[in-house]
Amino acid sequence: MASSTQGQVITCKAAVAYEANKPLVVEDVQVAPPQAGEVRIKILSTALCHTDYYTWSGKDPEGLFPCILGHEAAGIVESVGEGVTDVQPGDHVIPCYQAECKNCKMCNSGKTNLCGKVRGATGVGVMMSDRKSRFSVNGKPIYHFMGTSTFSQYTVVHDVSVAKINPQAPLDKVCLLGCGVSTGLGAVWNTAKVEAGSVVAVFGLGTVGLAVAEGAKSAGASRIIGIDIDAKKFDVAKNFGVTEFVNPKDHDKPIQQVLVDLTDGGVDYSFECIGNVSIMRAALECCPCLEGNSFWWLQESEPGSMARREVHEQGNQGGRVHHPQHEPYRYQQGVRPAA
């Protein structure tokens, strides 16, 4: 069913980041209709992710201003552009910041979800069809962010950046599937491929860390060790599969040594879900020098501190170091979230 606003510019509220490290400005923005291959979504729930903060802070070398941040959300399709067939007005959806065109070399490689086609536009805050933004304030363009810009009541995304979900799913909860949950699950299932019986360490028990724990539990990990300095998180983490807890504040030794002692030589997989360089080093050093053992970090860190984006390099202990750049559950291939 066509909406009354189809084909028209919509004026709505959005939180605009005009400058790095300055307060967001909530004001009226104009959202243009979707062009061919695009979808306009009414955002009903959005979460705040560390990556939004990272770009807002000015530390992201790819950050563009002014922009509308936000990439972890859920909403309802308001209208679609020419050629869009996967979704229609009224569908409940999750915007996917890591889109997959399904046609480029990267999408067809089976090794990564870092689409080489869509990224060329979303990485510079514009749409693919005309290299322009669909957002403006008083005639001045506002950049898109990560191809989603969910800190707006309405947003326009590429049709390959949308996952249709069950309309019964609570949008205020499934919005987390847009980033944090899919990041953790995808890192365990798709990238690390944690095996049954593995010993897993999870540094940081926020949304990403809990998703890692849930993924490791479903993969059959025998021990899932949660590491966090906030003891209040431990009871909640049990519900996600964490079997043991370590608070670094309770130990005089470096946390990596605590874990090595606790696991008779080190863990099979460690996941750093904080974005702290010193913790990354600890997470790496708690893996023993065995080929196939891996350390993964799943949050943005300071540019140049170790590395950014997708990294595969030989670790100094013989294992592997990876940052899958939010290697998520692949929405466009296989079961879609909450379906």
C-alpha atoms as a PDB file:
ATOM      1  CA  MET A   1       0.000   0.000   0.000  1.00  0.00           C
ATOM      2  CA  ALA A   2       1.437   3.343  -1.045  1.00  0.00           C
ATOM      3  CA  SER A   3       1.930   5.923   1.695  1.00  0.00           C
ATOM      4  CA  SER A   4       0.570   9.461   1.489  1.00  0.00           C
ATOM      5  CA  THR A   5       4.137  10.797   1.497  1.00  0.00           C
ATOM      6  CA  GLN A   6       5.408   8.595  -1.332  1.00  0.00           C
ATOM      7  CA  GLY A   7       7.393  10.614  -3.852  1.00  0.00           C
ATOM      8  CA  GLN A   8       7.467  13.680  -1.622  1.00  0.00           C
ATOM      9  CA  VAL A   9      10.136  15.308   0.497  1.00  0.00           C
ATOM     10  CA  ILE A  10       9.529  14.558   4.171  1.00  0.00           C
ATOM     11  CA  THR A  11      10.430  17.066   6.864  1.00  0.00           C
ATOM     12  CA  CYS A  12      11.206  15.379  10.166  1.00  0.00           C
ATOM     13  CA  LYS A  13      13.389  15.641  13.240  1.00  0.00           C
ATOM     14  CA  ALA A  14      16.972  14.400  13.239  1.00  0.00           C
ATOM     15  CA  ALA A  15      20.026  14.742  15.473  1.00  0.00           C
ATOM     16  CA  VAL A  16      22.631  16.402  13.248  1.00  0.00           C
ATOM     17  CA  ALA A  17      26.353  16.300  14.011  1.00  0.00           C
ATOM     18  CA  TYR A  18      27.646  19.562  12.536  1.00  0.00           C
ATOM     19  CA  GLU A  19      31.129  19.337  14.032  1.00  0.00           C
ATOM     20  CA  ALA A  20      33.261  16.730  15.723  1.00  0.00           C
ATOM     21  CA  ASN A  21      32.987  16.594  19.501  1.00  0.00           C
ATOM     22  CA  LYS A  22      30.197  19.185  19.600  1.00  0.00           C
ATOM     23  CA  PRO A  23      26.626  18.570  20.840  1.00  0.00           C
ATOM     24  CA  LEU A  24      24.224  17.096  18.319  1.00  0.00           C
ATOM     25  CA  VAL A  25      21.566  19.514  17.104  1.00  0.00           C
ATOM     26  CA  VAL A  26      18.011  18.163  17.013  1.00  0.00           C
ATOM     27  CA  GLU A  27      16.237  20.040  14.251  1.00  0.00           C
ATOM     28  CA  ASP A  28      14.076  19.728  11.149  1.00  0.00           C
ATOM     29  CA  VAL A  29      15.728  18.037   8.196  1.00  0.00           C
ATOM     30  CA  GLN A  30      14.411  17.355   4.720  1.00  0.00           C
ATOM     31  CA  VAL A  31      14.536  13.750   3.535  1.00  0.00           C
ATOM     32  CA  ALA A  32      14.213  13.315  -0.232  1.00  0.00           C
ATOM     33  CA  PRO A  33      12.230  10.443  -1.785  1.00  0.00           C
ATOM     34  CA  PRO A  34      14.125   7.229  -2.551  1.00  0.00           C
ATOM     35  CA  GLN A  35      15.604   6.915  -6.024  1.00  0.00           C
ATOM     36  CA  ALA A  36      15.980   3.686  -8.008  1.00  0.00           C
ATOM     37  CA  GLY A  37      17.277   0.890  -5.800  1.00  0.00           C
ATOM     38  CA  GLU A  38      16.622   2.820  -2.586  1.00  0.00           C
ATOM     39  CA  VAL A  39      14.269   2.504   0.386  1.00  0.00           C
ATOM     40  CA  ARG A  40      12.938   5.195   2.714  1.00  0.00           C
ATOM     41  CA  ILE A  41      12.357   3.965   6.266  1.00  0.00           C
ATOM     42  CA  LYS A  42      10.496   5.409   9.222  1.00  0.00           C
ATOM     43  CA  ILE A  43      12.852   4.764  12.135  1.00  0.00           C
ATOM     44  CA  LEU A  44      11.010   3.724  15.294  1.00  0.00           C
ATOM     45  CA  SER A  45      13.877   2.484  17.469  1.00  0.00           C
ATOM     46  CA  THR A  46      17.586   3.223  17.367  1.00  0.00           C
ATOM     47  CA  ALA A  47      20.452   2.421  19.705  1.00  0.00           C
ATOM     48  CA  LEU A  48      23.723   4.184  20.413  1.00  0.00           C
ATOM     49  CA  CYS A  49      26.871   2.292  19.446  1.00  0.00           C
ATOM     50  CA  HIS A  50      30.494   2.977  20.330  1.00  0.00           C
ATOM     51  CA  THR A  51      31.183   3.539  16.625  1.00  0.00           C
ATOM     52  CA  ASP A  52      28.730   6.454  16.580  1.00  0.00           C
ATOM     53  CA  TYR A  53      30.632   7.986  19.479  1.00  0.00           C
ATOM     54  CA  TYR A  54      33.973   7.229  17.826  1.00  0.00           C
ATOM     55  CA  THR A  55      33.050   9.143  14.676  1.00  0.00           C
ATOM     56  CA  TRP A  56      31.376  11.962  16.610  1.00  0.00           C
ATOM     57  CA  SER A  57      34.529  12.376  18.721  1.00  0.00           C
ATOM     58  CA  GLY A  58      36.569  13.296  15.656  1.00  0.00           C
ATOM     59  CA  LYS A  59      38.950  10.358  16.029  1.00  0.00           C
ATOM     60  CA  ASP A  60      37.574   8.541  12.983  1.00  0.00           C
ATOM     61  CA  PRO A  61      39.744   9.526   9.994  1.00  0.00           C
ATOM     62  CA  GLU A  62      36.808   8.756   7.694  1.00  0.00           C
ATOM     63  CA  GLY A  63      34.338  10.880   9.646  1.00  0.00           C
ATOM     64  CA  LEU A  64      32.495  13.513   7.600  1.00  0.00           C
ATOM     65  CA  PHE A  65      30.597  16.520   8.921  1.00  0.00           C
ATOM     66  CA  PRO A  66      27.858  17.607   8.955  1.00  0.00           C
ATOM     67  CA  CYS A  67      26.235  14.191   9.139  1.00  0.00           C
ATOM     68  CA  ILE A  68      23.433  12.222  10.743  1.00  0.00           C
ATOM     69  CA  LEU A  69      24.908   9.409  12.814  1.00  0.00           C
ATOM     70  CA  GLY A  70      23.268   6.136  13.872  1.00  0.00           C
ATOM     71  CA  HIS A  71      23.426   2.633  12.416  1.00  0.00           C
ATOM     72  CA  GLU A  72      21.718   0.290  14.899  1.00  0.00           C
ATOM     73  CA  ALA A  73      17.984   0.581  14.362  1.00  0.00           C
ATOM     74  CA  ALA A  74      14.657  -0.863  13.268  1.00  0.00           C
ATOM     75  CA  GLY A  75      11.679   0.649  11.517  1.00  0.00           C
ATOM     76  CA  ILE A  76       8.973   0.393   8.869  1.00  0.00           C
ATOM     77  CA  VAL A  77       9.356   0.926   5.127  1.00  0.00           C
ATOM     78  CA  GLU A  78       7.613   4.167   4.122  1.00  0.00           C
ATOM     79  CA  SER A  79       8.280   4.010   0.366  1.00  0.00           C
ATOM     80  CA  VAL A  80      10.585   2.372  -2.162  1.00  0.00           C
ATOM     81  CA  GLY A  81      12.301   3.509  -5.321  1.00  0.00           C
ATOM     82  CA  GLU A  82      12.095   2.052  -8.807  1.00  0.00           C
ATOM     83  CA  GLY A  83      13.206  -1.549  -9.132  1.00  0.00           C
ATOM     84  CA  VAL A  84      12.972  -2.441  -5.442  1.00  0.00           C
ATOM     85  CA  THR A  85      11.304  -5.835  -5.016  1.00  0.00           C
ATOM     86  CA  ASP A  86      12.634  -7.322  -1.766  1.00  0.00           C
ATOM     87  CA  VAL A  87      10.626  -4.998   0.482  1.00  0.00           C
ATOM     88  CA  GLN A  88       7.485  -2.885   0.171  1.00  0.00           C
ATOM     89  CA  PRO A  89       5.802  -0.122   2.185  1.00  0.00           C
ATOM     90  CA  GLY A  90       4.685  -1.410   5.561  1.00  0.00           C
ATOM     91  CA  ASP A  91       7.408  -4.030   5.937  1.00  0.00           C
ATOM     92  CA  HIS A  92       9.285  -4.080   9.228  1.00  0.00           C
ATOM     93  CA  VAL A  93      13.015  -3.895   8.585  1.00  0.00           C
ATOM     94  CA  ILE A  94      16.483  -3.495  10.038  1.00  0.00           C
ATOM     95  CA  PRO A  95      18.883  -1.186   8.147  1.00  0.00           C
ATOM     96  CA  CYS A  96      22.177  -2.970   7.479  1.00  0.00           C
ATOM     97  CA  TYR A  97      25.245  -0.762   7.505  1.00  0.00           C
ATOM     98  CA  GLN A  98      27.392  -3.518   6.001  1.00  0.00           C
ATOM     99  CA  ALA A  99      25.452  -3.959   2.756  1.00  0.00           C
ATOM    100  CA  GLU A 100      26.126  -6.704   0.234  1.00  0.00           C
ATOM    101  CA  CYS A 101      25.490  -6.079  -3.465  1.00  0.00           C
ATOM    102  CA  LYS A 102      25.917  -9.847  -4.125  1.00  0.00           C
ATOM    103  CA  ASN A 103      27.670  -9.112  -7.428  1.00  0.00           C
ATOM    104  CA  CYS A 104      31.133  -7.685  -6.719  1.00  0.00           C
ATOM    105  CA  LYS A 105      34.333  -9.649  -6.223  1.00  0.00           C
ATOM    106  CA  MET A 106      34.207  -9.225  -2.462  1.00  0.00           C
ATOM    107  CA  CYS A 107      30.607 -10.385  -2.086  1.00  0.00           C
ATOM    108  CA  ASN A 108      31.244 -13.432  -4.260  1.00  0.00           C
ATOM    109  CA  SER A 109      34.497 -14.396  -2.550  1.00  0.00           C
ATOM    110  CA  GLY A 110      32.857 -16.234   0.328  1.00  0.00           C
ATOM    111  CA  LYS A 111      35.599 -14.812   2.549  1.00  0.00           C
ATOM    112  CA  THR A 112      34.325 -11.389   3.567  1.00  0.00           C
ATOM    113  CA  ASN A 113      31.213  -9.264   3.829  1.00  0.00           C
ATOM    114  CA  LEU A 114      33.059  -6.033   2.991  1.00  0.00           C
ATOM    115  CA  CYS A 115      31.219  -5.174  -0.225  1.00  0.00           C
ATOM    116  CA  GLY A 116      33.472  -3.272  -2.598  1.00  0.00           C
ATOM    117  CA  LYS A 117      30.610  -1.623  -4.487  1.00  0.00           C
ATOM    118  CA  VAL A 118      28.318  -0.164  -1.842  1.00  0.00           C
ATOM    119  CA  ARG A 119      31.180   0.835   0.404  1.00  0.00           C
ATOM    120  CA  GLY A 120      32.432   3.236  -2.260  1.00  0.00           C
ATOM    121  CA  ALA A 121      29.357   5.392  -1.646  1.00  0.00           C
ATOM    122  CA  THR A 122      28.489   4.793   1.990  1.00  0.00           C
ATOM    123  CA  GLY A 123      32.075   5.447   3.009  1.00  0.00           C
ATOM    124  CA  VAL A 124      31.837   9.020   1.733  1.00  0.00           C
ATOM    125  CA  GLY A 125      28.311   9.773   2.924  1.00  0.00           C
ATOM    126  CA  VAL A 126      26.368   9.607  -0.350  1.00  0.00           C
ATOM    127  CA  MET A 127      24.070   7.301  -2.331  1.00  0.00           C
ATOM    128  CA  MET A 128      25.325   5.139  -5.192  1.00  0.00           C
ATOM    129  CA  SER A 129      22.916   6.251  -7.916  1.00  0.00           C
ATOM    130  CA  ASP A 130      23.904   9.918  -8.118  1.00  0.00           C
ATOM    131  CA  ARG A 131      26.631  10.377  -5.473  1.00  0.00           C
ATOM    132  CA  LYS A 132      24.362  12.759  -3.581  1.00  0.00           C
ATOM    133  CA  SER A 133      22.803  12.846  -0.129  1.00  0.00           C
ATOM    134  CA  ARG A 134      19.074  12.465   0.514  1.00  0.00           C
ATOM    135  CA  PHE A 135      19.327  14.683   3.613  1.00  0.00           C
ATOM    136  CA  SER A 136      19.383  18.458   3.677  1.00  0.00           C
ATOM    137  CA  VAL A 137      18.784  21.365   6.046  1.00  0.00           C
ATOM    138  CA  ASN A 138      17.603  24.585   4.424  1.00  0.00           C
ATOM    139  CA  GLY A 139      18.931  23.387   1.085  1.00  0.00           C
ATOM    140  CA  LYS A 140      22.379  22.411   2.373  1.00  0.00           C
ATOM    141  CA  PRO A 141      23.279  18.702   2.106  1.00  0.00           C
ATOM    142  CA  ILE A 142      23.944  16.611   5.201  1.00  0.00           C
ATOM    143  CA  TYR A 143      26.130  13.521   4.824  1.00  0.00           C
ATOM    144  CA  HIS A 144      24.821  10.012   5.375  1.00  0.00           C
ATOM    145  CA  PHE A 145      26.639   7.853   7.931  1.00  0.00           C
ATOM    146  CA  MET A 146      27.494   4.205   7.277  1.00  0.00           C
ATOM    147  CA  GLY A 147      24.694   4.097   4.729  1.00  0.00           C
ATOM    148  CA  THR A 148      22.051   4.169   7.470  1.00  0.00           C
ATOM    149  CA  SER A 149      21.821   7.483   9.440  1.00  0.00           C
ATOM    150  CA  THR A 150      19.292   6.235  11.954  1.00  0.00           C
ATOM    151  CA  PHE A 151      19.391   9.277  14.259  1.00  0.00           C
ATOM    152  CA  SER A 152      16.616  10.618  12.041  1.00  0.00           C
ATOM    153  CA  GLN A 153      12.895   9.910  12.089  1.00  0.00           C
ATOM    154  CA  TYR A 154      13.186   8.989   8.404  1.00  0.00           C
ATOM    155  CA  THR A 155      16.201   7.747   6.486  1.00  0.00           C
ATOM    156  CA  VAL A 156      17.016   6.544   2.967  1.00  0.00           C
ATOM    157  CA  VAL A 157      19.158   3.452   2.400  1.00  0.00           C
ATOM    158  CA  HIS A 158      20.137   1.215  -0.506  1.00  0.00           C
ATOM    159  CA  ASP A 159      17.803  -1.719  -1.042  1.00  0.00           C
ATOM    160  CA  VAL A 160      20.699  -4.111  -0.365  1.00  0.00           C
ATOM    161  CA  SER A 161      21.033  -2.420   3.031  1.00  0.00           C
ATOM    162  CA  VAL A 162      17.683  -3.645   4.331  1.00  0.00           C
ATOM    163  CA  ALA A 163      16.709  -6.885   6.070  1.00  0.00           C
ATOM    164  CA  LYS A 164      13.007  -7.684   6.313  1.00  0.00           C
ATOM    165  CA  ILE A 165      11.999  -9.022   9.728  1.00  0.00           C
ATOM    166  CA  ASN A 166       9.002 -10.598  11.419  1.00  0.00           C
ATOM    167  CA  PRO A 167       6.426  -7.841  12.065  1.00  0.00           C
ATOM    168  CA  GLN A 168       5.782  -9.340  15.513  1.00  0.00           C
ATOM    169  CA  ALA A 169       9.379  -8.734  16.611  1.00  0.00           C
ATOM    170  CA  PRO A 170       9.709  -5.861  19.140  1.00  0.00           C
ATOM    171  CA  LEU A 171      11.558  -3.097  17.316  1.00  0.00           C
ATOM    172  CA  ASP A 172      13.074  -1.682  20.491  1.00  0.00           C
ATOM    173  CA  LYS A 173      14.907  -4.977  20.988  1.00  0.00           C
ATOM    174  CA  VAL A 174      15.668  -6.258  17.493  1.00  0.00           C
ATOM    175  CA  CYS A 175      17.315  -2.945  16.612  1.00  0.00           C
ATOM    176  CA  LEU A 176      20.395  -4.348  18.379  1.00  0.00           C
ATOM    177  CA  LEU A 177      20.661  -6.960  15.624  1.00  0.00           C
ATOM    178  CA  GLY A 178      21.739  -4.136  13.332  1.00  0.00           C
ATOM    179  CA  CYS A 179      25.227  -4.020  14.810  1.00  0.00           C
ATOM    180  CA  GLY A 180      26.165  -5.202  18.296  1.00  0.00           C
ATOM    181  CA  VAL A 181      24.514  -8.605  18.288  1.00  0.00           C
ATOM    182  CA  SER A 182      25.374  -9.458  14.695  1.00  0.00           C
ATOM    183  CA  THR A 183      28.975  -8.336  15.230  1.00  0.00           C
ATOM    184  CA  GLY A 184      29.479 -10.745  18.091  1.00  0.00           C
ATOM    185  CA  LEU A 185      27.622 -13.681  16.559  1.00  0.00           C
ATOM    186  CA  GLY A 186      29.241 -13.237  13.160  1.00  0.00           C
ATOM    187  CA  ALA A 187      32.742 -13.066  14.616  1.00  0.00           C
ATOM    188  CA  VAL A 188      32.193 -16.402  16.360  1.00  0.00           C
ATOM    189  CA  TRP A 189      30.249 -18.255  13.677  1.00  0.00           C
ATOM    190  CA  ASN A 190      31.473 -16.862  10.366  1.00  0.00           C
ATOM    191  CA  THR A 191      35.002 -15.681  10.991  1.00  0.00           C
ATOM    192  CA  ALA A 192      36.534 -17.481  13.963  1.00  0.00           C
ATOM    193  CA  LYS A 193      34.414 -20.593  13.430  1.00  0.00           C
ATOM    194  CA  VAL A 194      34.723 -21.588  17.070  1.00  0.00           C
ATOM    195  CA  GLU A 195      34.598 -25.376  17.476  1.00  0.00           C
ATOM    196  CA  ALA A 196      32.838 -27.493  20.058  1.00  0.00           C
ATOM    197  CA  GLY A 197      34.962 -27.974  23.149  1.00  0.00           C
ATOM    198  CA  SER A 198      36.911 -24.732  22.681  1.00  0.00           C
ATOM    199  CA  VAL A 199      37.965 -22.444  25.509  1.00  0.00           C
ATOM    200  CA  VAL A 200      36.926 -18.864  24.765  1.00  0.00           C
ATOM    201  CA  ALA A 201      37.834 -15.593  26.493  1.00  0.00           C
ATOM    202  CA  VAL A 202      35.555 -12.569  26.090  1.00  0.00           C
ATOM    203  CA  PHE A 203      37.003  -9.191  27.094  1.00  0.00           C
ATOM    204  CA  GLY A 204      34.175  -6.752  27.810  1.00  0.00           C
ATOM    205  CA  LEU A 205      30.622  -7.837  28.593  1.00  0.00           C
ATOM    206  CA  GLY A 206      28.634  -5.194  26.781  1.00  0.00           C
ATOM    207  CA  THR A 207      26.270  -5.973  23.910  1.00  0.00           C
ATOM    208  CA  VAL A 208      29.030  -7.223  21.602  1.00  0.00           C
ATOM    209  CA  GLY A 209      30.683  -9.300  24.307  1.00  0.00           C
ATOM    210  CA  LEU A 210      27.408 -10.917  25.339  1.00  0.00           C
ATOM    211  CA  ALA A 211      26.687 -11.742  21.697  1.00  0.00           C
ATOM    212  CA  VAL A 212      30.123 -13.371  21.440  1.00  0.00           C
ATOM    213  CA  ALA A 213      29.292 -15.442  24.511  1.00  0.00           C
ATOM    214  CA  GLU A 214      25.925 -16.480  23.065  1.00  0.00           C
ATOM    215  CA  GLY A 215      27.585 -17.441  19.791  1.00  0.00           C
ATOM    216  CA  ALA A 216      30.298 -19.422  21.546  1.00  0.00           C
ATOM    217  CA  LYS A 217      27.691 -21.215  23.641  1.00  0.00           C
ATOM    218  CA  SER A 218      25.721 -22.238  20.559  1.00  0.00           C
ATOM    219  CA  ALA A 219      28.966 -23.401  18.922  1.00  0.00           C
ATOM    220  CA  GLY A 220      29.553 -25.771  21.827  1.00  0.00           C
ATOM    221  CA  ALA A 221      32.442 -24.043  23.586  1.00  0.00           C
ATOM    222  CA  SER A 222      33.258 -25.887  26.802  1.00  0.00           C
ATOM    223  CA  ARG A 223      34.455 -22.838  28.721  1.00  0.00           C
ATOM    224  CA  ILE A 224      33.489 -19.217  28.130  1.00  0.00           C
ATOM    225  CA  ILE A 225      35.439 -16.871  30.366  1.00  0.00           C
ATOM    226  CA  GLY A 226      34.067 -13.353  30.734  1.00  0.00           C
ATOM    227  CA  ILE A 227      36.496 -10.580  31.673  1.00  0.00           C
ATOM    228  CA  ASP A 228      35.184  -7.228  32.900  1.00  0.00           C
ATOM    229  CA  ILE A 229      35.904  -4.722  35.660  1.00  0.00           C
ATOM    230  CA  ASP A 230      32.188  -4.248  36.373  1.00  0.00           C
ATOM    231  CA  ALA A 231      31.120  -7.135  38.588  1.00  0.00           C
ATOM    232  CA  LYS A 232      27.444  -6.201  38.156  1.00  0.00           C
ATOM    233  CA  LYS A 233      27.565  -7.569  34.612  1.00  0.00           C
ATOM    234  CA  PHE A 234      28.432 -11.079  35.665  1.00  0.00           C
ATOM    235  CA  ASP A 235      24.972 -12.306  36.692  1.00  0.00           C
ATOM    236  CA  VAL A 236      23.469 -11.131  33.405  1.00  0.00           C
ATOM    237  CA  ALA A 237      26.307 -12.708  31.423  1.00  0.00           C
ATOM    238  CA  LYS A 238      25.450 -16.143  32.823  1.00  0.00           C
ATOM    239  CA  ASN A 239      22.241 -16.029  30.823  1.00  0.00           C
ATOM    240  CA  PHE A 240      24.299 -15.690  27.637  1.00  0.00           C
ATOM    241  CA  GLY A 241      26.532 -18.671  28.294  1.00  0.00           C
ATOM    242  CA  VAL A 242      29.462 -17.263  30.256  1.00  0.00           C
ATOM    243  CA  THR A 243      30.709 -20.048  32.526  1.00  0.00           C
ATOM    244  CA  GLU A 244      33.443 -18.238  34.464  1.00  0.00           C
ATOM    245  CA  PHE A 245      34.210 -14.652  35.400  1.00  0.00           C
ATOM    246  CA  VAL A 246      37.436 -12.796  35.973  1.00  0.00           C
ATOM    247  CA  ASN A 247      37.663  -9.251  37.277  1.00  0.00           C
ATOM    248  CA  PRO A 248      41.157  -7.868  36.582  1.00  0.00           C
ATOM    249  CA  LYS A 249      40.830  -5.680  39.683  1.00  0.00           C
ATOM    250  CA  ASP A 250      40.868  -8.809  41.832  1.00  0.00           C
ATOM    251  CA  HIS A 251      44.341  -9.868  40.681  1.00  0.00           C
ATOM    252  CA  ASP A 252      47.858  -8.533  41.088  1.00  0.00           C
ATOM    253  CA  LYS A 253      49.127 -10.318  37.982  1.00  0.00           C
ATOM    254  CA  PRO A 254      48.445  -9.110  34.416  1.00  0.00           C
ATOM    255  CA  ILE A 255      45.110 -10.434  33.229  1.00  0.00           C
ATOM    256  CA  GLN A 256      46.733 -12.383  30.397  1.00  0.00           C
ATOM    257  CA  GLN A 257      48.829 -14.308  32.924  1.00  0.00           C
ATOM    258  CA  VAL A 258      45.756 -14.954  35.046  1.00  0.00           C
ATOM    259  CA  LEU A 259      44.031 -16.490  32.036  1.00  0.00           C
ATOM    260  CA  VAL A 260      47.057 -18.534  31.000  1.00  0.00           C
ATOM    261  CA  ASP A 261      47.256 -19.981  34.515  1.00  0.00           C
ATOM    262  CA  LEU A 262      43.511 -20.550  34.660  1.00  0.00           C
ATOM    263  CA  THR A 263      43.447 -22.471  31.374  1.00  0.00           C
ATOM    264  CA  ASP A 264      46.664 -24.479  31.614  1.00  0.00           C
ATOM    265  CA  GLY A 265      48.495 -22.535  28.932  1.00  0.00           C
ATOM    266  CA  GLY A 266      45.959 -20.218  27.350  1.00  0.00           C
ATOM    267  CA  VAL A 267      42.608 -20.028  25.585  1.00  0.00           C
ATOM    268  CA  ASP A 268      41.736 -21.209  22.088  1.00  0.00           C
ATOM    269  CA  TYR A 269      39.981 -18.000  21.063  1.00  0.00           C
ATOM    270  CA  SER A 270      39.933 -14.546  22.606  1.00  0.00           C
ATOM    271  CA  PHE A 271      37.627 -11.704  21.619  1.00  0.00           C
ATOM    272  CA  GLU A 272      38.348  -8.092  22.589  1.00  0.00           C
ATOM    273  CA  CYS A 273      35.024  -6.233  22.661  1.00  0.00           C
ATOM    274  CA  ILE A 274      36.107  -2.905  24.144  1.00  0.00           C
ATOM    275  CA  GLY A 275      38.458  -1.097  21.748  1.00  0.00           C
ATOM    276  CA  ASN A 276      41.264  -0.548  24.259  1.00  0.00           C
ATOM    277  CA  VAL A 277      44.788  -1.138  22.938  1.00  0.00           C
ATOM    278  CA  SER A 278      46.197  -2.390  26.237  1.00  0.00           C
ATOM    279  CA  ILE A 279      43.333  -4.875  26.488  1.00  0.00           C
ATOM    280  CA  MET A 280      43.960  -5.956  22.890  1.00  0.00           C
ATOM    281  CA  ARG A 281      47.502  -6.850  23.855  1.00  0.00           C
ATOM    282  CA  ALA A 282      46.286  -8.808  26.857  1.00  0.00           C
ATOM    283  CA  ALA A 283      43.739 -10.625  24.696  1.00  0.00           C
ATOM    284  CA  LEU A 284      46.451 -11.552  22.209  1.00  0.00           C
ATOM    285  CA  GLU A 285      48.879 -12.742  24.848  1.00  0.00           C
ATOM    286  CA  CYS A 286      46.394 -15.075  26.520  1.00  0.00           C
ATOM    287  CA  CYS A 287      46.361 -17.202  23.352  1.00  0.00           C
ATOM    288  CA  PRO A 288      49.125 -19.859  23.292  1.00  0.00           C
ATOM    289  CA  CYS A 289      51.568 -20.214  20.419  1.00  0.00           C
ATOM    290  CA  LEU A 290      49.515 -22.744  18.484  1.00  0.00           C
ATOM    291  CA  GLU A 291      48.628 -22.425  14.819  1.00  0.00           C
ATOM    292  CA  GLY A 292      44.918 -21.855  14.519  1.00  0.00           C
ATOM    293  CA  ASN A 293      44.467 -20.061  17.816  1.00  0.00           C
ATOM    294  CA  SER A 294      43.078 -16.611  17.274  1.00  0.00           C
ATOM    295  CA  PHE A 295      42.609 -13.216  18.863  1.00  0.00           C
ATOM    296  CA  TRP A 296      39.836 -10.976  17.561  1.00  0.00           C
ATOM    297  CA  TRP A 297      39.036  -7.374  18.357  1.00  0.00           C
ATOM    298  CA  LEU A 298      35.566  -6.122  17.579  1.00  0.00           C
ATOM    299  CA  GLN A 299      35.543  -2.438  18.499  1.00  0.00           C
ATOM    300  CA  GLU A 300      37.064   0.659  16.946  1.00  0.00           C
ATOM    301  CA  SER A 301      40.436   1.739  18.341  1.00  0.00           C
ATOM    302  CA  GLU A 302      42.734   4.704  17.884  1.00  0.00           C
ATOM    303  CA  PRO A 303      43.966   4.991  14.267  1.00  0.00           C
ATOM    304  CA  GLY A 304      47.412   3.455  13.946  1.00  0.00           C
ATOM    305  CA  SER A 305      47.408   1.988  17.447  1.00  0.00           C
ATOM    306  CA  MET A 306      47.507  -1.524  16.045  1.00  0.00           C
ATOM    307  CA  ALA A 307      45.523  -1.590  12.845  1.00  0.00           C
ATOM    308  CA  ARG A 308      42.032  -0.866  11.569  1.00  0.00           C
ATOM    309  CA  ARG A 309      39.451  -2.603   9.461  1.00  0.00           C
ATOM    310  CA  GLU A 310      39.980  -6.144   8.285  1.00  0.00           C
ATOM    311  CA  VAL A 311      43.396  -7.337   9.367  1.00  0.00           C
ATOM    312  CA  HIS A 312      44.997 -10.745   9.002  1.00  0.00           C
ATOM    313  CA  GLU A 313      48.567 -10.858  10.186  1.00  0.00           C
ATOM    314  CA  GLN A 314      50.830 -13.359  11.881  1.00  0.00           C
ATOM    315  CA  GLY A 315      50.669 -12.812  15.613  1.00  0.00           C
ATOM    316  CA  ASN A 316      53.847 -12.683  17.630  1.00  0.00           C
ATOM    317  CA  GLN A 317      52.899 -15.960  19.265  1.00  0.00           C
ATOM    318  CA  GLY A 318      52.108 -17.930  16.141  1.00  0.00           C
ATOM    319  CA  GLY A 319      48.357 -17.448  16.159  1.00  0.00           C
ATOM    320  CA  ARG A 320      46.272 -15.041  14.084  1.00  0.00           C
ATOM    321  CA  VAL A 321      45.150 -11.478  14.669  1.00  0.00           C
ATOM    322  CA  HIS A 322      41.872 -10.333  13.148  1.00  0.00           C
ATOM    323  CA  HIS A 323      39.562  -7.354  13.141  1.00  0.00           C
ATOM    324  CA  PRO A 324      36.573  -8.356  10.999  1.00  0.00           C
ATOM    325  CA  GLN A 325      35.215  -4.776  10.928  1.00  0.00           C
ATOM    326  CA  HIS A 326      31.975  -5.902  12.453  1.00  0.00           C
ATOM    327  CA  GLU A 327      31.982  -9.200  10.542  1.00  0.00           C
ATOM    328  CA  PRO A 328      28.245  -9.623  11.046  1.00  0.00           C
ATOM    329  CA  TYR A 329      25.745 -12.329  10.541  1.00  0.00           C
ATOM    330  CA  ARG A 330      25.089 -12.052   6.813  1.00  0.00           C
ATOM    331  CA  TYR A 331      21.554 -10.709   6.566  1.00  0.00           C
ATOM    332  CA  GLN A 332      21.211 -11.178   2.825  1.00  0.00           C
ATOM    333  CA  GLN A 333      22.355 -14.807   2.840  1.00  0.00           C
ATOM    334  CA  GLY A 334      20.600 -17.372   4.984  1.00  0.00           C
ATOM    335  CA  VAL A 335      18.005 -16.820   7.668  1.00  0.00           C
ATOM    336  CA  ARG A 336      17.224 -13.168   8.237  1.00  0.00           C
ATOM    337  CA  PRO A 337      17.071 -11.841  11.794  1.00  0.00           C
ATOM    338  CA  ALA A 338      13.882 -12.387  13.743  1.00  0.00           C
ATOM    339  CA  ALA A 339      12.226 -14.008  10.725  1.00  0.00           C
END
